[in-house]
């Protein structure tokens, strides 16, 4: 069983990613979340929050970027 952030269950995907952006924005980068929806995350095999967290960790670790934008788009039910 994987542990998910409670903010994901309590508030949904976009607020959970906004929270994560705030955590990483306190590092040396600014993180912006752009979403075309505020829908509820219904779950999948890999948590989108974990995927974005790993991607942001890689940006901090391996790049000289000072700005990152995470874009979410809804396509039908996906």
Protein backbone atom coordinates (compact mmCIF):
# COMPACT_ATOMS: atom_id res chain seq x y z
CA UNK A 1 0.00 0.00 0.00
CA UNK A 2 1.29 3.46 -0.89
CA UNK A 3 0.87 6.41 1.41
CA UNK A 4 -0.66 9.45 -0.23
CA UNK A 5 -0.65 13.02 1.06
CA UNK A 6 -3.84 13.72 2.99
CA UNK A 7 -4.24 17.00 1.11
CA UNK A 8 -4.82 14.88 -2.01
CA UNK A 9 -7.69 13.03 -0.38
CA UNK A 10 -9.05 16.08 1.44
CA UNK A 11 -8.83 18.77 -1.25
CA UNK A 12 -8.04 17.14 -4.59
CA UNK A 13 -5.23 16.98 -7.11
CA UNK A 14 -4.71 20.65 -7.95
CA UNK A 15 -4.56 21.85 -4.31
CA UNK A 16 -2.17 18.99 -3.51
CA UNK A 17 0.12 20.06 -6.35
CA UNK A 18 -0.16 23.70 -5.29
CA UNK A 19 0.94 22.66 -1.80
CA UNK A 20 3.88 20.76 -3.29
CA UNK A 21 4.76 23.80 -5.43
CA UNK A 22 4.92 25.87 -2.26
CA UNK A 23 7.32 23.40 -0.69
CA UNK A 24 9.65 23.48 -3.70
CA UNK A 25 9.29 27.24 -4.15
CA UNK A 26 11.05 27.60 -0.82
CA UNK A 27 14.05 25.97 -2.53
CA UNK A 28 15.90 27.86 -5.25
CA UNK A 29 13.13 27.54 -7.84
CA UNK A 30 9.70 29.03 -8.38
CA UNK A 31 7.03 26.46 -9.20
CA UNK A 32 3.77 27.35 -10.90
CA UNK A 33 0.80 25.02 -11.29
CA UNK A 34 -1.47 25.65 -14.28
CA UNK A 35 -4.62 23.54 -14.51
CA UNK A 36 -7.57 23.69 -16.87
CA UNK A 37 -9.75 22.04 -14.23
CA UNK A 38 -10.19 21.74 -10.48
CA UNK A 39 -11.64 18.26 -10.61
CA UNK A 40 -11.35 15.48 -8.10
CA UNK A 41 -8.53 12.99 -8.47
CA UNK A 42 -10.02 9.53 -8.65
CA UNK A 43 -6.80 7.60 -8.37
CA UNK A 44 -4.49 5.67 -10.62
CA UNK A 45 -1.61 3.22 -10.23
CA UNK A 46 0.93 5.99 -9.62
CA UNK A 47 0.01 9.07 -7.68
CA UNK A 48 0.33 12.18 -9.87
CA UNK A 49 1.64 13.98 -6.78
CA UNK A 50 4.48 11.46 -6.44
CA UNK A 51 5.31 11.80 -10.13
CA UNK A 52 5.44 15.61 -9.95
CA UNK A 53 7.41 15.46 -6.69
CA UNK A 54 10.06 13.29 -8.33
CA UNK A 55 10.16 15.54 -11.40
CA UNK A 56 10.64 18.64 -9.22
CA UNK A 57 13.34 16.90 -7.20
CA UNK A 58 15.14 16.14 -10.47
CA UNK A 59 14.86 19.78 -11.57
CA UNK A 60 16.41 20.94 -8.29
CA UNK A 61 19.08 18.24 -8.38
CA UNK A 62 20.09 18.32 -12.05
CA UNK A 63 19.26 21.67 -13.62
CA UNK A 64 19.97 25.33 -13.21
CA UNK A 65 16.35 26.27 -13.75
CA UNK A 66 14.85 28.92 -11.53
CA UNK A 67 11.26 28.51 -12.78
CA UNK A 68 9.14 25.42 -13.42
CA UNK A 69 5.57 25.23 -14.66
CA UNK A 70 3.45 22.12 -14.18
CA UNK A 71 0.53 22.09 -16.62
CA UNK A 72 -2.52 19.85 -16.19
CA UNK A 73 -5.16 19.43 -18.85
CA UNK A 74 -8.33 17.41 -18.84
CA UNK A 75 -9.23 15.44 -21.93
CA UNK A 76 -12.63 13.88 -21.49
CA UNK A 77 -12.41 11.72 -18.39
CA UNK A 78 -8.61 11.76 -18.42
